[in-house]
Amino acid sequence: MEHPHLIERRTVRTINDPVMGEFRIPVMPLRFSDFPDELPLQAVMLGENNREILSSYLGYSEARIDELYEAGVIKINEGN
């Protein structure tokens, strides 16, 4: 993944992850003229969208979601 040829040909790219840090990954070997070379690659943290999902899809109130947090039923992974 560190070979100059791979880097020059853009067959690997560097990702900066908030938990794992910076590392290289292989890119898709095929390229298309109407498709961007690189797409953003950052997944949400576990639990990051709890409030949105619980309220939008399950109809939970903010108070109910707060209760779930306080009871330890749900939490946000803060990268620890």
Protein backbone atom coordinates (compact mmCIF):
# COMPACT_ATOMS: atom_id res chain seq x y z
CA MET A 1 0.00 0.00 0.00
CA GLU A 2 3.02 2.29 0.36
CA HIS A 3 4.57 1.51 -3.02
CA PRO A 4 5.12 4.68 -5.09
CA HIS A 5 3.55 3.07 -8.18
CA LEU A 6 0.30 2.38 -6.33
CA ILE A 7 0.19 5.90 -4.96
CA GLU A 8 0.97 7.49 -8.35
CA ARG A 9 -1.74 5.42 -10.06
CA ARG A 10 -4.19 6.35 -7.29
CA THR A 11 -4.98 2.72 -6.56
CA VAL A 12 -4.88 3.44 -2.83
CA ARG A 13 -6.27 6.34 -0.88
CA THR A 14 -5.78 7.68 2.61
CA ILE A 15 -8.69 7.65 5.04
CA ASN A 16 -8.73 9.64 8.25
CA ASP A 17 -10.98 7.90 10.78
CA PRO A 18 -11.75 9.55 14.15
CA VAL A 19 -11.19 6.26 16.00
CA MET A 20 -8.61 4.36 13.95
CA GLY A 21 -6.63 7.36 12.72
CA GLU A 22 -5.10 7.65 9.27
CA PHE A 23 -4.70 4.57 7.07
CA ARG A 24 -4.68 3.56 3.41
CA ILE A 25 -7.31 1.50 1.61
CA PRO A 26 -7.53 0.20 -1.97
CA VAL A 27 -9.87 2.08 -4.29
CA MET A 28 -12.24 0.66 -6.87
CA PRO A 29 -10.07 -0.57 -9.77
CA LEU A 30 -12.55 0.61 -12.42
CA ARG A 31 -12.98 4.28 -13.26
CA PHE A 32 -15.89 5.84 -15.09
CA SER A 33 -15.91 9.28 -16.72
CA ASP A 34 -19.20 10.38 -15.12
CA PHE A 35 -18.40 9.04 -11.66
CA PRO A 36 -16.27 10.92 -9.10
CA ASP A 37 -12.80 9.55 -8.40
CA GLU A 38 -13.28 9.60 -4.65
CA LEU A 39 -16.41 9.49 -2.57
CA PRO A 40 -16.44 10.60 1.05
CA LEU A 41 -15.94 7.57 3.27
CA GLN A 42 -16.86 8.25 6.84
CA ALA A 43 -19.40 6.16 8.65
CA VAL A 44 -21.35 7.59 11.53
CA MET A 45 -20.32 6.56 15.02
CA LEU A 46 -22.37 3.87 16.71
CA GLY A 47 -25.38 5.57 18.26
CA GLU A 48 -24.68 8.93 16.63
CA ASN A 49 -28.15 9.06 15.03
CA ASN A 50 -30.10 7.52 17.92
CA ARG A 51 -32.32 10.56 18.49
CA GLU A 52 -33.16 11.00 14.82
CA ILE A 53 -33.94 7.32 14.29
CA LEU A 54 -35.94 6.84 17.49
CA SER A 55 -38.01 9.97 16.93
CA SER A 56 -38.49 9.77 13.16
CA TYR A 57 -39.02 6.06 12.66
CA LEU A 58 -40.35 4.91 16.02
CA GLY A 59 -42.14 8.08 17.10
CA TYR A 60 -40.37 8.29 20.48
CA SER A 61 -40.59 11.61 22.30
CA GLU A 62 -37.48 13.48 23.42
CA ALA A 63 -38.42 12.67 27.02
CA ARG A 64 -38.63 8.93 26.24
CA ILE A 65 -35.27 9.02 24.45
CA ASP A 66 -33.73 10.83 27.44
CA GLU A 67 -35.10 8.07 29.71
CA LEU A 68 -33.42 5.43 27.54
CA TYR A 69 -30.09 7.26 27.76
CA GLU A 70 -30.39 7.68 31.52
CA ALA A 71 -31.25 3.99 31.97
CA GLY A 72 -28.23 2.99 29.87
CA VAL A 73 -30.41 1.26 27.28
CA ILE A 74 -28.87 3.34 24.51
CA LYS A 75 -25.68 5.34 24.35
CA ILE A 76 -23.39 7.13 21.93
CA ASN A 77 -20.03 5.59 21.11
CA GLU A 78 -17.60 8.45 21.53
CA GLY A 79 -14.65 6.57 20.09
CA ASN A 80 -13.45 5.15 23.39
